[in-house]
Amino acid sequence: MNSKIKTLSFIDGEEKVLYYLKTNNGYVNKSITNIAKDISLSREAVSRIVTRLVNKGIVKKENGTIKLL
């Protein structure tokens, strides 16, 4: 299955973001805007999701990178 199609099939944005990180070796060096475009979500939604994942201790965000822990 095409990665883009699989990403679009997820129920919620958090699943999309986590899948995106997993398919990029758990490490992304892209802006929130570019991630949002890649997974078809708004920049604001991705920003909120990443902040929530950081607060849960699932990802780490620093120096423009997002890393799955």
C-alpha atoms as a PDB file:
ATOM      1  CA  MET A   1       0.000   0.000   0.000  1.00  0.00           C
ATOM      2  CA  ASN A   2       1.237   3.437  -0.886  1.00  0.00           C
ATOM      3  CA  SER A   3       2.553   5.285   2.182  1.00  0.00           C
ATOM      4  CA  LYS A   4       0.520   8.428   1.401  1.00  0.00           C
ATOM      5  CA  ILE A   5      -2.709   6.416   1.088  1.00  0.00           C
ATOM      6  CA  LYS A   6      -1.978   4.592   4.336  1.00  0.00           C
ATOM      7  CA  THR A   7      -1.319   7.882   6.120  1.00  0.00           C
ATOM      8  CA  LEU A   8      -4.613   9.325   4.893  1.00  0.00           C
ATOM      9  CA  SER A   9      -6.525   6.258   6.093  1.00  0.00           C
ATOM     10  CA  PHE A  10      -5.787   6.811   9.789  1.00  0.00           C
ATOM     11  CA  ILE A  11      -8.644   7.895  11.997  1.00  0.00           C
ATOM     12  CA  ASP A  12      -6.985  10.752  13.850  1.00  0.00           C
ATOM     13  CA  GLY A  13      -4.137  13.179  13.464  1.00  0.00           C
ATOM     14  CA  GLU A  14      -2.025  11.714  16.254  1.00  0.00           C
ATOM     15  CA  GLU A  15      -1.950   8.373  14.440  1.00  0.00           C
ATOM     16  CA  LYS A  16      -0.921  10.164  11.238  1.00  0.00           C
ATOM     17  CA  VAL A  17       1.932  11.996  12.951  1.00  0.00           C
ATOM     18  CA  LEU A  18       3.194   8.861  14.704  1.00  0.00           C
ATOM     19  CA  TYR A  19       3.045   6.820  11.501  1.00  0.00           C
ATOM     20  CA  TYR A  20       4.877   9.584   9.648  1.00  0.00           C
ATOM     21  CA  LEU A  21       7.653   9.560  12.242  1.00  0.00           C
ATOM     22  CA  LYS A  22       7.900   5.762  12.186  1.00  0.00           C
ATOM     23  CA  THR A  23       8.181   5.658   8.405  1.00  0.00           C
ATOM     24  CA  ASN A  24      10.972   8.253   8.575  1.00  0.00           C
ATOM     25  CA  ASN A  25      13.131   6.192  10.954  1.00  0.00           C
ATOM     26  CA  GLY A  26      11.677   7.988  13.977  1.00  0.00           C
ATOM     27  CA  TYR A  27      13.434  11.222  13.110  1.00  0.00           C
ATOM     28  CA  VAL A  28      12.218  14.201  11.062  1.00  0.00           C
ATOM     29  CA  ASN A  29      14.150  17.356  10.309  1.00  0.00           C
ATOM     30  CA  LYS A  30      11.309  19.305   8.675  1.00  0.00           C
ATOM     31  CA  SER A  31       9.187  22.245   9.621  1.00  0.00           C
ATOM     32  CA  ILE A  32       5.743  21.690  11.099  1.00  0.00           C
ATOM     33  CA  THR A  33       4.356  23.274   7.913  1.00  0.00           C
ATOM     34  CA  ASN A  34       6.069  20.724   5.676  1.00  0.00           C
ATOM     35  CA  ILE A  35       5.038  17.812   7.882  1.00  0.00           C
ATOM     36  CA  ALA A  36       1.458  19.087   7.777  1.00  0.00           C
ATOM     37  CA  LYS A  37       1.531  19.211   3.972  1.00  0.00           C
ATOM     38  CA  ASP A  38       2.977  15.684   3.803  1.00  0.00           C
ATOM     39  CA  ILE A  39       0.197  14.196   5.937  1.00  0.00           C
ATOM     40  CA  SER A  40      -2.670  16.431   4.807  1.00  0.00           C
ATOM     41  CA  LEU A  41      -3.345  18.182   8.106  1.00  0.00           C
ATOM     42  CA  SER A  42      -3.317  21.860   9.004  1.00  0.00           C
ATOM     43  CA  ARG A  43      -0.135  23.346  10.426  1.00  0.00           C
ATOM     44  CA  GLU A  44      -2.005  24.257  13.587  1.00  0.00           C
ATOM     45  CA  ALA A  45      -3.248  20.695  14.105  1.00  0.00           C
ATOM     46  CA  VAL A  46       0.229  19.213  13.646  1.00  0.00           C
ATOM     47  CA  SER A  47       1.677  21.773  16.044  1.00  0.00           C
ATOM     48  CA  ARG A  48      -0.901  20.873  18.716  1.00  0.00           C
ATOM     49  CA  ILE A  49      -0.351  17.137  18.171  1.00  0.00           C
ATOM     50  CA  VAL A  50       3.433  17.417  18.405  1.00  0.00           C
ATOM     51  CA  THR A  51       3.130  19.491  21.588  1.00  0.00           C
ATOM     52  CA  ARG A  52       0.799  16.867  23.064  1.00  0.00           C
ATOM     53  CA  LEU A  53       3.211  14.052  22.112  1.00  0.00           C
ATOM     54  CA  VAL A  54       6.119  15.970  23.676  1.00  0.00           C
ATOM     55  CA  ASN A  55       4.119  16.417  26.891  1.00  0.00           C
ATOM     56  CA  LYS A  56       3.338  12.678  26.944  1.00  0.00           C
ATOM     57  CA  GLY A  57       7.043  11.877  26.516  1.00  0.00           C
ATOM     58  CA  ILE A  58       6.497  10.114  23.182  1.00  0.00           C
ATOM     59  CA  VAL A  59       8.550  12.505  21.061  1.00  0.00           C
ATOM     60  CA  LYS A  60      11.299  15.037  21.630  1.00  0.00           C
ATOM     61  CA  LYS A  61      11.442  18.331  19.739  1.00  0.00           C
ATOM     62  CA  GLU A  62      14.578  20.437  19.585  1.00  0.00           C
ATOM     63  CA  ASN A  63      16.533  22.499  17.080  1.00  0.00           C
ATOM     64  CA  GLY A  64      13.956  22.006  14.335  1.00  0.00           C
ATOM     65  CA  THR A  65      13.880  18.216  14.620  1.00  0.00           C
ATOM     66  CA  ILE A  66      11.260  15.848  15.959  1.00  0.00           C
ATOM     67  CA  LYS A  67      12.436  12.500  17.275  1.00  0.00           C
ATOM     68  CA  LEU A  68      10.350   9.508  18.304  1.00  0.00           C
ATOM     69  CA  LEU A  69      11.483   8.257  21.726  1.00  0.00           C
END
